[in-house]
N, C-alpha and C. Protein backbone atom coordinates (compact mmCIF):
# COMPACT_ATOMS: atom_id res chain seq x y z
N MET A 1 0.82 -1.21 0.00
CA MET A 1 0.00 0.00 0.00
C MET A 1 0.86 1.26 0.00
N SER A 2 2.07 1.16 0.55
CA SER A 2 2.94 2.33 0.60
C SER A 2 3.61 2.59 -0.74
N GLU A 3 3.71 1.57 -1.59
CA GLU A 3 4.30 1.74 -2.92
C GLU A 3 3.30 1.21 -3.94
N ILE A 4 2.49 2.11 -4.49
CA ILE A 4 1.35 1.71 -5.32
C ILE A 4 1.81 0.93 -6.57
N GLY A 5 2.96 1.27 -7.12
CA GLY A 5 3.41 0.59 -8.34
C GLY A 5 4.05 -0.76 -8.11
N ALA A 6 4.15 -1.19 -6.84
CA ALA A 6 4.87 -2.43 -6.55
C ALA A 6 4.20 -3.65 -7.16
N ALA A 7 2.87 -3.71 -7.13
CA ALA A 7 2.17 -4.91 -7.64
C ALA A 7 2.49 -5.15 -9.10
N ALA A 8 2.46 -4.09 -9.91
CA ALA A 8 2.77 -4.25 -11.33
C ALA A 8 4.22 -4.64 -11.52
N SER A 9 5.13 -4.00 -10.80
CA SER A 9 6.55 -4.31 -10.96
C SER A 9 6.86 -5.75 -10.56
N LEU A 10 6.29 -6.20 -9.43
CA LEU A 10 6.52 -7.57 -8.98
C LEU A 10 5.92 -8.58 -9.95
N THR A 11 4.72 -8.28 -10.45
CA THR A 11 4.07 -9.18 -11.40
C THR A 11 4.88 -9.29 -12.68
N ARG A 12 5.35 -8.16 -13.18
CA ARG A 12 6.15 -8.13 -14.40
C ARG A 12 7.46 -8.92 -14.22
N THR A 13 8.08 -8.74 -13.07
CA THR A 13 9.34 -9.43 -12.79
C THR A 13 9.13 -10.93 -12.69
N ALA A 14 8.06 -11.35 -12.01
CA ALA A 14 7.78 -12.78 -11.88
C ALA A 14 7.56 -13.42 -13.25
N LEU A 15 6.82 -12.74 -14.12
CA LEU A 15 6.61 -13.29 -15.46
C LEU A 15 7.91 -13.35 -16.24
N ALA A 16 8.79 -12.38 -16.04
CA ALA A 16 10.05 -12.34 -16.77
C ALA A 16 10.94 -13.52 -16.42
N ILE A 17 10.82 -14.05 -15.20
CA ILE A 17 11.63 -15.21 -14.82
C ILE A 17 10.85 -16.51 -14.93
N GLY A 18 9.64 -16.42 -15.54
CA GLY A 18 8.87 -17.63 -15.79
C GLY A 18 8.08 -18.15 -14.62
N ASP A 19 7.87 -17.34 -13.59
CA ASP A 19 7.14 -17.77 -12.40
C ASP A 19 5.72 -17.21 -12.44
N ARG A 20 4.86 -17.85 -13.23
CA ARG A 20 3.50 -17.35 -13.38
C ARG A 20 2.70 -17.50 -12.09
N ARG A 21 2.96 -18.57 -11.34
CA ARG A 21 2.22 -18.76 -10.09
C ARG A 21 2.41 -17.57 -9.16
N ARG A 22 3.65 -17.11 -9.05
CA ARG A 22 3.90 -15.97 -8.18
C ARG A 22 3.31 -14.69 -8.75
N ALA A 23 3.36 -14.56 -10.07
CA ALA A 23 2.76 -13.37 -10.70
C ALA A 23 1.27 -13.30 -10.40
N GLU A 24 0.59 -14.43 -10.48
CA GLU A 24 -0.84 -14.45 -10.18
C GLU A 24 -1.09 -14.18 -8.70
N ALA A 25 -0.17 -14.63 -7.83
CA ALA A 25 -0.32 -14.37 -6.40
C ALA A 25 -0.19 -12.88 -6.11
N PHE A 26 0.77 -12.20 -6.76
CA PHE A 26 0.90 -10.76 -6.58
C PHE A 26 -0.38 -10.04 -7.03
N THR A 27 -0.92 -10.49 -8.17
CA THR A 27 -2.14 -9.87 -8.69
C THR A 27 -3.30 -10.07 -7.73
N GLN A 28 -3.42 -11.29 -7.22
CA GLN A 28 -4.51 -11.57 -6.27
C GLN A 28 -4.37 -10.72 -5.02
N ALA A 29 -3.16 -10.55 -4.52
CA ALA A 29 -2.94 -9.73 -3.32
C ALA A 29 -3.34 -8.28 -3.59
N ALA A 30 -2.98 -7.77 -4.78
CA ALA A 30 -3.35 -6.40 -5.13
C ALA A 30 -4.86 -6.24 -5.21
N GLU A 31 -5.54 -7.24 -5.77
CA GLU A 31 -6.99 -7.17 -5.89
C GLU A 31 -7.66 -7.23 -4.52
N GLU A 32 -7.11 -8.04 -3.61
CA GLU A 32 -7.67 -8.11 -2.26
C GLU A 32 -7.49 -6.78 -1.53
N LEU A 33 -6.33 -6.16 -1.69
CA LEU A 33 -6.11 -4.85 -1.08
C LEU A 33 -7.11 -3.82 -1.61
N ALA A 34 -7.34 -3.87 -2.92
CA ALA A 34 -8.28 -2.92 -3.52
C ALA A 34 -9.69 -3.15 -2.99
N ARG A 35 -10.10 -4.41 -2.85
CA ARG A 35 -11.44 -4.72 -2.33
C ARG A 35 -11.58 -4.27 -0.88
N ASP A 36 -10.53 -4.44 -0.11
CA ASP A 36 -10.59 -4.13 1.33
C ASP A 36 -10.47 -2.63 1.60
N ASN A 37 -10.07 -1.86 0.59
CA ASN A 37 -9.86 -0.42 0.77
C ASN A 37 -10.52 0.35 -0.37
N PRO A 38 -11.86 0.29 -0.46
CA PRO A 38 -12.56 0.91 -1.60
C PRO A 38 -12.40 2.42 -1.68
N GLY A 39 -11.96 3.04 -0.60
CA GLY A 39 -11.80 4.49 -0.63
C GLY A 39 -10.47 4.95 -1.20
N LEU A 40 -9.64 4.00 -1.63
CA LEU A 40 -8.32 4.35 -2.18
C LEU A 40 -8.28 3.95 -3.66
N PRO A 41 -8.65 4.85 -4.57
CA PRO A 41 -8.72 4.50 -5.99
C PRO A 41 -7.39 4.05 -6.58
N SER A 42 -6.28 4.51 -6.01
CA SER A 42 -4.98 4.09 -6.55
C SER A 42 -4.75 2.60 -6.36
N LEU A 43 -5.34 2.02 -5.31
CA LEU A 43 -5.20 0.57 -5.13
C LEU A 43 -5.97 -0.19 -6.19
N ALA A 44 -7.13 0.34 -6.59
CA ALA A 44 -7.88 -0.27 -7.69
C ALA A 44 -7.08 -0.17 -8.98
N ALA A 45 -6.42 0.96 -9.20
CA ALA A 45 -5.58 1.13 -10.39
C ALA A 45 -4.41 0.16 -10.36
N SER A 46 -3.81 -0.02 -9.19
CA SER A 46 -2.70 -0.95 -9.04
C SER A 46 -3.11 -2.38 -9.37
N ALA A 47 -4.29 -2.77 -8.86
CA ALA A 47 -4.79 -4.12 -9.13
C ALA A 47 -5.09 -4.31 -10.62
N ALA A 48 -5.68 -3.29 -11.24
CA ALA A 48 -5.97 -3.37 -12.67
C ALA A 48 -4.68 -3.46 -13.48
N HIS A 49 -3.66 -2.74 -13.05
CA HIS A 49 -2.36 -2.77 -13.74
C HIS A 49 -1.76 -4.17 -13.68
N ALA A 50 -1.74 -4.75 -12.48
CA ALA A 50 -1.19 -6.10 -12.34
C ALA A 50 -2.00 -7.12 -13.14
N ARG A 51 -3.32 -7.01 -13.09
CA ARG A 51 -4.17 -7.93 -13.85
C ARG A 51 -3.92 -7.78 -15.34
N GLY A 52 -3.78 -6.56 -15.80
CA GLY A 52 -3.52 -6.35 -17.23
C GLY A 52 -2.24 -6.99 -17.68
N ILE A 53 -1.21 -6.96 -16.82
CA ILE A 53 0.07 -7.56 -17.17
C ILE A 53 -0.03 -9.07 -17.20
N VAL A 54 -0.63 -9.66 -16.17
CA VAL A 54 -0.62 -11.12 -16.06
C VAL A 54 -1.57 -11.78 -17.05
N HIS A 55 -2.64 -11.06 -17.45
CA HIS A 55 -3.62 -11.65 -18.36
C HIS A 55 -3.58 -11.04 -19.77
N ASP A 56 -2.58 -10.21 -20.05
CA ASP A 56 -2.51 -9.54 -21.37
C ASP A 56 -3.83 -8.87 -21.70
N ASP A 57 -4.33 -8.09 -20.77
CA ASP A 57 -5.66 -7.50 -20.87
C ASP A 57 -5.55 -5.99 -21.10
N PRO A 58 -5.72 -5.52 -22.34
CA PRO A 58 -5.58 -4.08 -22.62
C PRO A 58 -6.62 -3.23 -21.90
N GLU A 59 -7.80 -3.77 -21.65
CA GLU A 59 -8.84 -2.99 -20.96
C GLU A 59 -8.38 -2.64 -19.54
N SER A 60 -7.81 -3.62 -18.84
CA SER A 60 -7.34 -3.37 -17.48
C SER A 60 -6.18 -2.38 -17.48
N LEU A 61 -5.28 -2.51 -18.45
CA LEU A 61 -4.15 -1.59 -18.53
C LEU A 61 -4.63 -0.17 -18.84
N GLY A 62 -5.60 -0.04 -19.74
CA GLY A 62 -6.14 1.26 -20.04
C GLY A 62 -6.82 1.88 -18.85
N ARG A 63 -7.53 1.04 -18.08
CA ARG A 63 -8.21 1.54 -16.88
C ARG A 63 -7.18 2.01 -15.85
N ALA A 64 -6.10 1.27 -15.71
CA ALA A 64 -5.05 1.66 -14.77
C ALA A 64 -4.40 2.96 -15.18
N ALA A 65 -4.11 3.10 -16.47
CA ALA A 65 -3.46 4.32 -16.96
C ALA A 65 -4.32 5.55 -16.73
N GLY A 66 -5.63 5.37 -16.72
CA GLY A 66 -6.51 6.51 -16.50
C GLY A 66 -6.85 6.75 -15.04
N ALA A 67 -6.62 5.76 -14.18
CA ALA A 67 -7.07 5.87 -12.79
C ALA A 67 -5.96 6.18 -11.79
N TYR A 68 -4.73 5.88 -12.13
CA TYR A 68 -3.63 6.19 -11.21
C TYR A 68 -3.61 7.68 -10.90
N VAL A 69 -3.24 8.02 -9.69
CA VAL A 69 -3.09 9.42 -9.31
C VAL A 69 -1.70 9.94 -9.69
N GLY A 70 -0.68 9.15 -9.44
CA GLY A 70 0.68 9.58 -9.71
C GLY A 70 1.04 9.52 -11.18
N PRO A 71 1.73 10.53 -11.71
CA PRO A 71 2.07 10.57 -13.14
C PRO A 71 3.01 9.45 -13.57
N TRP A 72 3.94 9.03 -12.69
CA TRP A 72 4.85 7.95 -13.09
C TRP A 72 4.09 6.64 -13.25
N ASN A 73 3.20 6.35 -12.32
CA ASN A 73 2.43 5.12 -12.41
C ASN A 73 1.52 5.13 -13.64
N ARG A 74 0.93 6.30 -13.94
CA ARG A 74 0.11 6.41 -15.16
C ARG A 74 0.96 6.11 -16.39
N ALA A 75 2.16 6.65 -16.40
CA ALA A 75 3.06 6.43 -17.54
C ALA A 75 3.44 4.96 -17.64
N SER A 76 3.69 4.32 -16.51
CA SER A 76 4.07 2.91 -16.51
C SER A 76 2.96 2.03 -17.08
N ALA A 77 1.72 2.30 -16.66
CA ALA A 77 0.60 1.52 -17.20
C ALA A 77 0.42 1.78 -18.69
N ALA A 78 0.59 3.03 -19.12
CA ALA A 78 0.47 3.35 -20.54
C ALA A 78 1.57 2.65 -21.34
N GLU A 79 2.77 2.56 -20.77
CA GLU A 79 3.85 1.86 -21.47
C GLU A 79 3.53 0.37 -21.62
N ASP A 80 3.02 -0.25 -20.55
CA ASP A 80 2.64 -1.66 -20.64
C ASP A 80 1.53 -1.86 -21.67
N LEU A 81 0.60 -0.93 -21.74
CA LEU A 81 -0.47 -1.02 -22.74
C LEU A 81 0.11 -0.92 -24.14
N GLY A 82 1.01 0.01 -24.36
CA GLY A 82 1.63 0.15 -25.67
C GLY A 82 2.40 -1.09 -26.06
N ALA A 83 3.13 -1.67 -25.11
CA ALA A 83 3.89 -2.89 -25.41
C ALA A 83 2.96 -4.04 -25.78
N LEU A 84 1.80 -4.12 -25.11
CA LEU A 84 0.85 -5.20 -25.39
C LEU A 84 0.22 -5.04 -26.77
N LEU A 85 -0.09 -3.80 -27.16
CA LEU A 85 -0.83 -3.55 -28.40
C LEU A 85 0.06 -3.44 -29.64
N ARG A 86 1.37 -3.50 -29.48
CA ARG A 86 2.26 -3.21 -30.61
C ARG A 86 2.05 -4.16 -31.78
N GLY A 87 1.63 -5.40 -31.50
CA GLY A 87 1.43 -6.35 -32.59
C GLY A 87 0.05 -6.27 -33.21
N SER A 88 -0.96 -5.93 -32.41
CA SER A 88 -2.34 -5.96 -32.89
C SER A 88 -2.84 -4.61 -33.37
N ASP A 89 -2.33 -3.53 -32.79
CA ASP A 89 -2.80 -2.19 -33.15
C ASP A 89 -1.65 -1.20 -32.96
N PRO A 90 -0.74 -1.12 -33.94
CA PRO A 90 0.42 -0.23 -33.79
C PRO A 90 0.05 1.22 -33.53
N GLU A 91 -1.04 1.69 -34.11
CA GLU A 91 -1.42 3.09 -33.89
C GLU A 91 -1.78 3.34 -32.44
N ALA A 92 -2.57 2.44 -31.85
CA ALA A 92 -2.93 2.59 -30.44
C ALA A 92 -1.69 2.42 -29.56
N ALA A 93 -0.80 1.51 -29.97
CA ALA A 93 0.44 1.32 -29.22
C ALA A 93 1.26 2.59 -29.20
N ILE A 94 1.34 3.25 -30.34
CA ILE A 94 2.11 4.50 -30.42
C ILE A 94 1.50 5.56 -29.53
N ARG A 95 0.17 5.67 -29.53
CA ARG A 95 -0.48 6.66 -28.68
C ARG A 95 -0.18 6.40 -27.20
N ALA A 96 -0.27 5.12 -26.81
CA ALA A 96 -0.02 4.78 -25.42
C ALA A 96 1.44 5.04 -25.05
N LEU A 97 2.36 4.67 -25.93
CA LEU A 97 3.77 4.89 -25.64
C LEU A 97 4.12 6.37 -25.63
N ASP A 98 3.46 7.14 -26.49
CA ASP A 98 3.68 8.57 -26.48
C ASP A 98 3.19 9.18 -25.16
N GLU A 99 2.06 8.69 -24.68
CA GLU A 99 1.54 9.15 -23.38
C GLU A 99 2.52 8.79 -22.27
N ALA A 100 3.06 7.55 -22.35
CA ALA A 100 4.03 7.12 -21.34
C ALA A 100 5.28 8.00 -21.38
N LEU A 101 5.79 8.27 -22.57
CA LEU A 101 6.98 9.10 -22.72
C LEU A 101 6.76 10.49 -22.13
N ALA A 102 5.61 11.07 -22.43
CA ALA A 102 5.31 12.41 -21.91
C ALA A 102 5.25 12.39 -20.39
N GLY A 103 4.66 11.33 -19.82
CA GLY A 103 4.58 11.23 -18.37
C GLY A 103 5.95 11.08 -17.72
N TYR A 104 6.78 10.24 -18.31
CA TYR A 104 8.13 10.06 -17.76
C TYR A 104 8.93 11.36 -17.84
N GLN A 105 8.79 12.06 -18.95
CA GLN A 105 9.52 13.32 -19.09
C GLN A 105 9.02 14.35 -18.10
N ARG A 106 7.72 14.32 -17.81
CA ARG A 106 7.13 15.29 -16.89
C ARG A 106 7.72 15.17 -15.49
N VAL A 107 8.05 13.93 -15.08
CA VAL A 107 8.58 13.74 -13.73
C VAL A 107 10.10 13.56 -13.73
N GLY A 108 10.73 13.73 -14.89
CA GLY A 108 12.18 13.64 -14.96
C GLY A 108 12.73 12.23 -14.89
N ALA A 109 11.93 11.22 -15.25
CA ALA A 109 12.39 9.83 -15.24
C ALA A 109 13.12 9.54 -16.55
N THR A 110 14.39 9.96 -16.62
CA THR A 110 15.13 9.94 -17.88
C THR A 110 15.36 8.53 -18.40
N ARG A 111 15.65 7.58 -17.51
CA ARG A 111 15.90 6.20 -17.98
C ARG A 111 14.62 5.61 -18.55
N ASP A 112 13.49 5.84 -17.87
CA ASP A 112 12.21 5.33 -18.37
C ASP A 112 11.84 6.01 -19.69
N ALA A 113 12.12 7.31 -19.77
CA ALA A 113 11.82 8.04 -21.01
C ALA A 113 12.65 7.48 -22.16
N ALA A 114 13.91 7.15 -21.89
CA ALA A 114 14.77 6.58 -22.93
C ALA A 114 14.21 5.24 -23.41
N ARG A 115 13.70 4.44 -22.47
CA ARG A 115 13.11 3.16 -22.86
C ARG A 115 11.86 3.39 -23.71
N GLY A 116 11.06 4.39 -23.33
CA GLY A 116 9.87 4.71 -24.12
C GLY A 116 10.22 5.13 -25.53
N ARG A 117 11.27 5.97 -25.66
CA ARG A 117 11.69 6.39 -27.00
C ARG A 117 12.17 5.20 -27.82
N ALA A 118 12.87 4.26 -27.15
CA ALA A 118 13.35 3.07 -27.86
C ALA A 118 12.19 2.22 -28.36
N ARG A 119 11.15 2.07 -27.55
CA ARG A 119 9.97 1.31 -27.98
C ARG A 119 9.30 1.98 -29.18
N LEU A 120 9.22 3.30 -29.16
CA LEU A 120 8.63 4.03 -30.28
C LEU A 120 9.47 3.86 -31.54
N ARG A 121 10.79 3.90 -31.40
CA ARG A 121 11.64 3.73 -32.58
C ARG A 121 11.45 2.36 -33.19
N ARG A 122 11.26 1.34 -32.36
CA ARG A 122 11.04 -0.01 -32.90
C ARG A 122 9.75 -0.10 -33.68
N LEU A 123 8.82 0.81 -33.40
CA LEU A 123 7.58 0.88 -34.18
C LEU A 123 7.72 1.80 -35.38
N GLY A 124 8.91 2.36 -35.57
CA GLY A 124 9.16 3.21 -36.72
C GLY A 124 8.64 4.62 -36.59
N VAL A 125 8.41 5.07 -35.36
CA VAL A 125 7.80 6.39 -35.16
C VAL A 125 8.60 7.15 -34.11
N ARG A 126 8.84 8.42 -34.40
CA ARG A 126 9.42 9.31 -33.40
C ARG A 126 8.31 10.22 -32.88
N ARG A 127 8.46 10.65 -31.68
CA ARG A 127 7.39 11.41 -31.02
C ARG A 127 7.02 12.65 -31.81
N ARG A 128 7.98 13.37 -32.32
CA ARG A 128 7.65 14.61 -33.03
C ARG A 128 6.82 14.35 -34.28
N HIS A 129 7.04 13.19 -34.92
CA HIS A 129 6.24 12.84 -36.09
C HIS A 129 4.79 12.59 -35.70
N TRP A 130 4.61 11.88 -34.56
CA TRP A 130 3.25 11.59 -34.13
C TRP A 130 2.51 12.86 -33.75
N ASN A 131 3.20 13.80 -33.07
CA ASN A 131 2.53 15.02 -32.65
C ASN A 131 2.07 15.86 -33.83
N GLN A 132 2.77 15.71 -34.97
CA GLN A 132 2.38 16.48 -36.13
C GLN A 132 1.16 15.89 -36.84
N ALA A 133 0.78 14.70 -36.44
CA ALA A 133 -0.32 14.03 -37.15
C ALA A 133 -1.39 13.55 -36.18
N GLU A 134 -1.70 14.36 -35.18
CA GLU A 134 -2.70 13.96 -34.21
C GLU A 134 -4.08 13.83 -34.85
N ARG A 135 -4.83 12.84 -34.37
CA ARG A 135 -6.19 12.63 -34.85
C ARG A 135 -7.16 13.51 -34.06
N PRO A 136 -8.37 13.70 -34.59
CA PRO A 136 -9.41 14.32 -33.76
C PRO A 136 -9.64 13.47 -32.52
N THR A 137 -10.18 14.06 -31.49
CA THR A 137 -10.38 13.33 -30.24
C THR A 137 -11.74 12.64 -30.16
N SER A 138 -12.64 12.95 -31.07
CA SER A 138 -13.96 12.32 -31.05
C SER A 138 -14.50 12.21 -32.46
N GLY A 139 -15.57 11.40 -32.61
CA GLY A 139 -16.18 11.21 -33.92
C GLY A 139 -15.53 10.09 -34.71
N TRP A 140 -16.16 9.73 -35.83
CA TRP A 140 -15.69 8.61 -36.64
C TRP A 140 -14.25 8.79 -37.10
N GLU A 141 -13.86 10.02 -37.44
CA GLU A 141 -12.51 10.28 -37.94
C GLU A 141 -11.46 10.09 -36.86
N SER A 142 -11.87 10.06 -35.59
CA SER A 142 -10.90 9.86 -34.51
C SER A 142 -10.52 8.39 -34.35
N LEU A 143 -11.28 7.48 -34.97
CA LEU A 143 -11.00 6.05 -34.82
C LEU A 143 -9.75 5.67 -35.60
N THR A 144 -8.96 4.78 -35.00
CA THR A 144 -7.83 4.23 -35.73
C THR A 144 -8.34 3.23 -36.77
N ASP A 145 -7.46 2.79 -37.66
CA ASP A 145 -7.87 1.80 -38.67
C ASP A 145 -8.39 0.54 -38.00
N THR A 146 -7.71 0.10 -36.95
CA THR A 146 -8.15 -1.11 -36.25
C THR A 146 -9.51 -0.90 -35.61
N GLU A 147 -9.71 0.26 -34.99
CA GLU A 147 -11.00 0.55 -34.36
C GLU A 147 -12.11 0.59 -35.40
N ARG A 148 -11.82 1.12 -36.58
CA ARG A 148 -12.84 1.13 -37.64
C ARG A 148 -13.18 -0.28 -38.08
N ASN A 149 -12.17 -1.14 -38.15
CA ASN A 149 -12.43 -2.53 -38.53
C ASN A 149 -13.31 -3.21 -37.49
N VAL A 150 -13.00 -2.99 -36.22
CA VAL A 150 -13.82 -3.56 -35.15
C VAL A 150 -15.24 -3.01 -35.22
N ALA A 151 -15.36 -1.70 -35.40
CA ALA A 151 -16.69 -1.08 -35.46
C ALA A 151 -17.50 -1.64 -36.62
N THR A 152 -16.86 -1.81 -37.77
CA THR A 152 -17.56 -2.33 -38.94
C THR A 152 -18.07 -3.74 -38.71
N LEU A 153 -17.22 -4.60 -38.13
CA LEU A 153 -17.62 -5.99 -37.90
C LEU A 153 -18.72 -6.08 -36.84
N VAL A 154 -18.60 -5.29 -35.80
CA VAL A 154 -19.64 -5.30 -34.77
C VAL A 154 -20.96 -4.77 -35.34
N ALA A 155 -20.87 -3.74 -36.17
CA ALA A 155 -22.07 -3.18 -36.79
C ALA A 155 -22.75 -4.20 -37.70
N GLN A 156 -21.98 -5.15 -38.21
CA GLN A 156 -22.55 -6.21 -39.06
C GLN A 156 -23.20 -7.32 -38.24
N GLY A 157 -23.11 -7.21 -36.90
CA GLY A 157 -23.77 -8.18 -36.04
C GLY A 157 -22.88 -9.24 -35.45
N LEU A 158 -21.56 -9.16 -35.65
CA LEU A 158 -20.65 -10.16 -35.12
C LEU A 158 -20.47 -9.98 -33.62
N THR A 159 -20.30 -11.08 -32.91
CA THR A 159 -20.01 -11.05 -31.48
C THR A 159 -18.53 -10.75 -31.27
N ASN A 160 -18.16 -10.44 -30.03
CA ASN A 160 -16.75 -10.18 -29.74
C ASN A 160 -15.84 -11.35 -30.12
N PRO A 161 -16.19 -12.61 -29.75
CA PRO A 161 -15.34 -13.73 -30.15
C PRO A 161 -15.24 -13.87 -31.68
N GLN A 162 -16.34 -13.59 -32.39
CA GLN A 162 -16.29 -13.68 -33.85
C GLN A 162 -15.39 -12.61 -34.44
N VAL A 163 -15.47 -11.39 -33.88
CA VAL A 163 -14.59 -10.32 -34.34
C VAL A 163 -13.14 -10.69 -34.05
N ALA A 164 -12.90 -11.23 -32.86
CA ALA A 164 -11.53 -11.63 -32.49
C ALA A 164 -10.99 -12.66 -33.48
N GLY A 165 -11.84 -13.62 -33.85
CA GLY A 165 -11.41 -14.63 -34.82
C GLY A 165 -11.09 -14.05 -36.18
N ARG A 166 -11.89 -13.10 -36.62
CA ARG A 166 -11.66 -12.47 -37.93
C ARG A 166 -10.36 -11.66 -37.93
N MET A 167 -10.06 -11.00 -36.81
CA MET A 167 -8.93 -10.09 -36.77
C MET A 167 -7.68 -10.70 -36.15
N TYR A 168 -7.78 -11.96 -35.72
CA TYR A 168 -6.64 -12.67 -35.13
C TYR A 168 -6.11 -11.95 -33.88
N VAL A 169 -7.04 -11.51 -33.03
CA VAL A 169 -6.69 -10.90 -31.75
C VAL A 169 -7.52 -11.59 -30.68
N SER A 170 -7.28 -11.24 -29.42
CA SER A 170 -8.03 -11.85 -28.33
C SER A 170 -9.35 -11.12 -28.11
N PRO A 171 -10.35 -11.81 -27.54
CA PRO A 171 -11.60 -11.12 -27.18
C PRO A 171 -11.37 -9.95 -26.24
N HIS A 172 -10.36 -10.05 -25.35
CA HIS A 172 -10.02 -8.93 -24.47
C HIS A 172 -9.66 -7.69 -25.29
N THR A 173 -8.89 -7.91 -26.35
CA THR A 173 -8.48 -6.78 -27.19
C THR A 173 -9.69 -6.17 -27.89
N VAL A 174 -10.59 -7.00 -28.37
CA VAL A 174 -11.81 -6.49 -29.01
C VAL A 174 -12.61 -5.68 -28.01
N LYS A 175 -12.76 -6.19 -26.80
CA LYS A 175 -13.52 -5.47 -25.77
C LYS A 175 -12.88 -4.12 -25.47
N PHE A 176 -11.55 -4.09 -25.40
CA PHE A 176 -10.85 -2.82 -25.17
C PHE A 176 -11.14 -1.83 -26.29
N HIS A 177 -11.05 -2.30 -27.55
CA HIS A 177 -11.30 -1.41 -28.68
C HIS A 177 -12.73 -0.91 -28.67
N LEU A 178 -13.68 -1.76 -28.29
CA LEU A 178 -15.08 -1.33 -28.25
C LEU A 178 -15.28 -0.22 -27.23
N ARG A 179 -14.62 -0.34 -26.08
CA ARG A 179 -14.73 0.72 -25.08
C ARG A 179 -14.20 2.04 -25.64
N GLN A 180 -13.07 1.97 -26.36
CA GLN A 180 -12.51 3.17 -26.96
C GLN A 180 -13.45 3.75 -28.01
N ILE A 181 -14.05 2.87 -28.81
CA ILE A 181 -14.97 3.30 -29.87
C ILE A 181 -16.19 3.98 -29.27
N PHE A 182 -16.79 3.35 -28.26
CA PHE A 182 -17.97 3.92 -27.62
C PHE A 182 -17.66 5.30 -27.04
N MET A 183 -16.48 5.43 -26.42
CA MET A 183 -16.11 6.70 -25.82
C MET A 183 -15.92 7.77 -26.90
N LYS A 184 -15.22 7.42 -27.98
CA LYS A 184 -14.94 8.41 -29.02
C LYS A 184 -16.21 8.82 -29.76
N LEU A 185 -17.15 7.89 -29.92
CA LEU A 185 -18.40 8.18 -30.64
C LEU A 185 -19.51 8.66 -29.71
N ASP A 186 -19.24 8.65 -28.39
CA ASP A 186 -20.22 9.07 -27.39
C ASP A 186 -21.50 8.26 -27.51
N ILE A 187 -21.35 6.94 -27.56
CA ILE A 187 -22.49 6.04 -27.64
C ILE A 187 -22.36 5.00 -26.54
N GLY A 188 -23.43 4.21 -26.36
CA GLY A 188 -23.40 3.24 -25.28
C GLY A 188 -23.89 1.86 -25.63
N SER A 189 -24.14 1.59 -26.92
CA SER A 189 -24.65 0.27 -27.28
C SER A 189 -24.23 -0.11 -28.70
N ARG A 190 -24.36 -1.39 -29.01
CA ARG A 190 -24.05 -1.88 -30.35
C ARG A 190 -25.08 -1.38 -31.36
N VAL A 191 -26.29 -1.19 -30.91
CA VAL A 191 -27.32 -0.67 -31.82
C VAL A 191 -26.94 0.74 -32.28
N GLU A 192 -26.51 1.57 -31.34
CA GLU A 192 -26.08 2.93 -31.70
C GLU A 192 -24.85 2.88 -32.60
N LEU A 193 -23.96 1.92 -32.35
CA LEU A 193 -22.77 1.80 -33.18
C LEU A 193 -23.16 1.43 -34.61
N ALA A 194 -24.13 0.50 -34.75
CA ALA A 194 -24.58 0.12 -36.09
C ALA A 194 -25.16 1.32 -36.83
N ARG A 195 -25.93 2.15 -36.13
CA ARG A 195 -26.52 3.33 -36.77
C ARG A 195 -25.44 4.32 -37.19
N THR A 196 -24.47 4.53 -36.29
CA THR A 196 -23.40 5.47 -36.59
C THR A 196 -22.54 4.96 -37.75
N ALA A 197 -22.20 3.68 -37.71
CA ALA A 197 -21.37 3.11 -38.78
C ALA A 197 -22.09 3.19 -40.12
N ALA A 198 -23.41 3.01 -40.10
CA ALA A 198 -24.17 3.04 -41.35
C ALA A 198 -24.09 4.40 -42.04
N GLU A 199 -23.86 5.45 -41.25
CA GLU A 199 -23.74 6.79 -41.84
C GLU A 199 -22.46 6.93 -42.67
N TYR A 200 -21.46 6.09 -42.33
CA TYR A 200 -20.16 6.20 -43.00
C TYR A 200 -19.91 5.05 -43.95
N ILE A 201 -20.52 3.90 -43.69
CA ILE A 201 -20.30 2.70 -44.53
C ILE A 201 -21.66 2.14 -44.94
N GLY A 202 -22.52 3.01 -45.34
CA GLY A 202 -23.95 2.73 -45.54
C GLY A 202 -24.33 1.34 -45.99
N THR A 203 -23.65 0.78 -46.98
CA THR A 203 -24.06 -0.51 -47.51
C THR A 203 -23.80 -1.64 -46.55
N ASP A 204 -23.02 -1.39 -45.44
CA ASP A 204 -22.71 -2.44 -44.51
C ASP A 204 -23.69 -2.53 -43.34
N ARG A 205 -24.75 -1.73 -43.39
CA ARG A 205 -25.73 -1.78 -42.30
C ARG A 205 -26.33 -3.18 -42.25
N PRO A 206 -26.37 -3.80 -41.03
CA PRO A 206 -26.95 -5.13 -40.92
C PRO A 206 -28.44 -5.12 -41.18
N ALA A 207 -28.95 -6.23 -41.67
CA ALA A 207 -30.39 -6.31 -41.97
C ALA A 207 -31.17 -6.22 -40.67
N GLN A 208 -32.30 -5.52 -40.71
CA GLN A 208 -33.16 -5.37 -39.53
C GLN A 208 -34.23 -6.45 -39.53
């Protein structure tokens, strides 16, 4: 409880040495602390961060990155999210890594910032290039290519597992993208998504 980022660091280290049992134990301990202390939102963020690492769950990592109070912890969760998404959604990975880099720089974490820049370079992008090509923050044009693909398939009536199978990603990843899509389009259901998608891809509207 005194070091909020410890659960994620311990979980990450355990996985790095191949000790999944211990990684899951760290995650469980973080979740129990969060349940026992509902008035401390940083503990919930810590538990979500550890869970995201151990289960490769982008939704949990995104929730942690948005819920942490401390800027370094927010940056750490964003970096883990970027690392997870680099294979399935490079654009989202770049955004997350850019957020991580900005957070590390804000608190003067030079070694972490250098690691963030290295991750971005491996994706073929430098931060200044990304800043020059920022997307809108809301509306259909704000969606990444991957998010548009998810939106199109969901609008056609496919379930999350079916979308995951089509796109060769996990259902967790699809769920994460749907949350991002709903937020950017300011909608709350698949029916609304189908209506919105039909305005842009009219012929793909599912039969009623």
